[in-house]
Each structure stands twice: as C-alpha cells, then as structure tokens.
C-alpha cells in the first residue's frame, strides 16, 4: 500500500512525502517507509 502524507523529519522540517507500507502475512501492518519526496527536483 502507498499514500501521501505530511511528516516532520528529524531536523524539524515539514515535508510532503510518498509513504509505502509493508505488511507481514498474519501480522498486519509492519512498517512505513518514506519512498520519495515529490516536491524535490
């Protein structure tokens, strides 16, 4: 699964990111990772 969200990075900046969710069979949602920053060129 994937989606867009605004997140606060460790340096305090707010950025719009594309998130990817990973699931483990039988467990459900396992992890969310930042896939890319769409506003970066």
N, C-alpha and C. Protein backbone atom coordinates (compact mmCIF):
# COMPACT_ATOMS: atom_id res chain seq x y z
N UNK A 1 0.84 -1.18 0.00
CA UNK A 1 0.00 0.00 0.00
C UNK A 1 0.88 1.23 0.00
N UNK A 2 0.36 2.32 -0.51
CA UNK A 2 1.12 3.55 -0.52
C UNK A 2 0.18 4.73 -0.36
N UNK A 3 0.74 5.87 -0.02
CA UNK A 3 -0.07 7.06 0.16
C UNK A 3 0.81 8.28 0.32
N UNK A 4 0.17 9.45 0.34
CA UNK A 4 0.87 10.71 0.51
C UNK A 4 0.56 11.25 1.91
N UNK A 5 1.56 11.91 2.51
CA UNK A 5 1.36 12.47 3.85
C UNK A 5 2.35 13.59 4.07
N UNK A 6 2.05 14.45 5.05
CA UNK A 6 2.99 15.46 5.50
C UNK A 6 3.60 14.95 6.79
N UNK A 7 4.93 14.87 6.83
CA UNK A 7 5.61 14.33 8.01
C UNK A 7 6.64 15.34 8.50
N UNK A 8 6.99 15.23 9.77
CA UNK A 8 8.04 16.05 10.35
C UNK A 8 9.30 15.22 10.39
N UNK A 9 10.34 15.69 9.70
CA UNK A 9 11.61 14.99 9.65
C UNK A 9 12.40 15.22 10.94
N UNK A 10 13.43 14.41 11.21
CA UNK A 10 14.22 14.57 12.43
C UNK A 10 14.83 15.97 12.59
N UNK A 11 15.08 16.68 11.48
CA UNK A 11 15.66 18.03 11.58
C UNK A 11 14.59 19.09 11.85
N UNK A 12 13.31 18.67 11.98
CA UNK A 12 12.23 19.59 12.29
C UNK A 12 11.45 20.11 11.09
N UNK A 13 11.92 19.83 9.89
CA UNK A 13 11.26 20.31 8.68
C UNK A 13 9.99 19.51 8.40
N UNK A 14 8.95 20.17 7.91
CA UNK A 14 7.73 19.51 7.47
C UNK A 14 7.82 19.30 5.98
N UNK A 15 7.65 18.07 5.52
CA UNK A 15 7.76 17.75 4.09
C UNK A 15 6.62 16.87 3.65
N UNK A 16 6.22 17.01 2.40
CA UNK A 16 5.22 16.13 1.79
C UNK A 16 5.99 14.93 1.24
N UNK A 17 5.58 13.72 1.58
CA UNK A 17 6.29 12.52 1.18
C UNK A 17 5.33 11.46 0.65
N UNK A 18 5.87 10.53 -0.12
CA UNK A 18 5.13 9.34 -0.52
C UNK A 18 5.57 8.22 0.41
N UNK A 19 4.62 7.64 1.12
CA UNK A 19 4.91 6.56 2.06
C UNK A 19 4.55 5.21 1.44
N UNK A 20 5.30 4.21 1.82
CA UNK A 20 4.99 2.83 1.43
C UNK A 20 4.82 2.03 2.70
N UNK A 21 3.77 1.25 2.75
CA UNK A 21 3.51 0.40 3.91
C UNK A 21 3.85 -1.04 3.58
N UNK A 22 4.44 -1.73 4.51
CA UNK A 22 4.80 -3.13 4.34
C UNK A 22 4.04 -3.95 5.35
N UNK A 23 3.55 -5.11 4.92
CA UNK A 23 2.78 -5.98 5.79
C UNK A 23 3.42 -7.35 5.85
N UNK A 24 3.27 -7.98 7.00
CA UNK A 24 3.73 -9.35 7.18
C UNK A 24 2.49 -10.24 7.25
N UNK A 25 2.49 -11.33 6.53
CA UNK A 25 1.34 -12.23 6.48
C UNK A 25 0.96 -12.69 7.89
N UNK A 26 -0.29 -12.51 8.24
CA UNK A 26 -0.78 -12.95 9.54
C UNK A 26 -0.56 -11.95 10.67
N UNK A 27 0.26 -10.91 10.43
CA UNK A 27 0.56 -9.93 11.47
C UNK A 27 -0.14 -8.61 11.19
N UNK A 28 -0.24 -8.24 9.93
CA UNK A 28 -0.83 -6.96 9.55
C UNK A 28 0.26 -5.95 9.25
N UNK A 29 -0.05 -4.67 9.51
CA UNK A 29 0.90 -3.60 9.18
C UNK A 29 2.19 -3.79 9.95
N UNK A 30 3.31 -3.74 9.26
CA UNK A 30 4.62 -3.98 9.86
C UNK A 30 5.45 -2.72 9.94
N UNK A 31 5.48 -1.93 8.85
CA UNK A 31 6.40 -0.80 8.80
C UNK A 31 5.94 0.21 7.76
N UNK A 32 6.27 1.48 7.96
CA UNK A 32 6.06 2.53 6.97
C UNK A 32 7.42 3.13 6.63
N UNK A 33 7.68 3.32 5.35
CA UNK A 33 8.96 3.90 4.92
C UNK A 33 8.69 5.03 3.95
N UNK A 34 9.54 6.06 3.98
CA UNK A 34 9.46 7.16 3.03
C UNK A 34 10.06 6.67 1.72
N UNK A 35 9.25 6.71 0.68
CA UNK A 35 9.71 6.25 -0.63
C UNK A 35 10.36 7.38 -1.42
N UNK A 36 9.72 8.57 -1.43
CA UNK A 36 10.31 9.68 -2.17
C UNK A 36 9.72 11.00 -1.69
N UNK A 37 10.36 12.08 -2.07
CA UNK A 37 9.91 13.44 -1.80
C UNK A 37 9.45 14.03 -3.12
N UNK A 38 8.13 14.06 -3.41
CA UNK A 38 7.66 14.51 -4.73
C UNK A 38 7.95 15.98 -5.03
N UNK A 39 8.19 16.82 -4.03
CA UNK A 39 8.46 18.24 -4.29
C UNK A 39 9.93 18.51 -4.61
N UNK A 40 10.79 17.49 -4.54
CA UNK A 40 12.21 17.64 -4.88
C UNK A 40 12.40 17.47 -6.38
N UNK A 41 13.24 18.24 -6.95
CA UNK A 41 13.52 18.12 -8.39
C UNK A 41 14.95 17.71 -8.61
